């Protein structure tokens, strides 16, 4: 069921043209179908070779809603200050986030036993990240949820700031300031949908290891937006600053 969706996405990546979602809206029946499409696209485009994905996005609108996950193509994960003028985005929507890095390998057995509290010991570092949200579907924001999930949950590119040792924080007091081009800076405080970006670690790691794989040390997950979706344009410089954590910058 996922092969037609994967074929459309592979063609969109190769041609750098958007695909029509309308004929495919009823093809995917479950998140598992969407994840199968993700994996087929990654295989056909050779993103990860024989290794495991080293960068992921994970998140959701609340702790009571299902989380979604996507492995990120390594060519579009870049260190801040990141130049992204060469990436042919169709959209340029901005999410300011906190990324977390695993300090050791995590096996399927490890992941199965995790709680949000015990998972914190697996993280050795954190940084500010900026995700550029994009779509391979012509319908973009209006495409169905499963088609968006198959399309890496609308991932475009990721910039990672400087890593610093991970430490628990009062996330309700955490501030984030985002600068997009010449627009006035926008400020946010305690706006993460889970109240704590690390809360998703057990669910994400059970997804990563669900087929028997081990999540290797150094694997990175970006954990969801603090600023919603902010509009940006080609040529904009985007900067996100999290007090006490750091900053990241992207040139679009």
Foldseek 3Di string as FASTA:
>chain_A
DLPVLLVQLLCCVVVVAAGAQVVVQPVDDDLVSLVVSLVVNCVVVVQAPPDAQQEKEKEDQAPVDDMAMHRDRPVQEEEPVAEDLPFSFPFFWKFKFKKWFFQFKAWLVNLVPDALVVCVVRTFKMWIKMWGFGHSHPVTVPRDPSSCSSRSVRTRHMYTYDIDTDDDDQQQAKKKWKDKAPDDIDIFGQQGRYSDQSRCVSVVLNVSCVPGDMNGGGRMYTRTGSPPIHGHDQQIKMKMAIPPHGIGIYGD
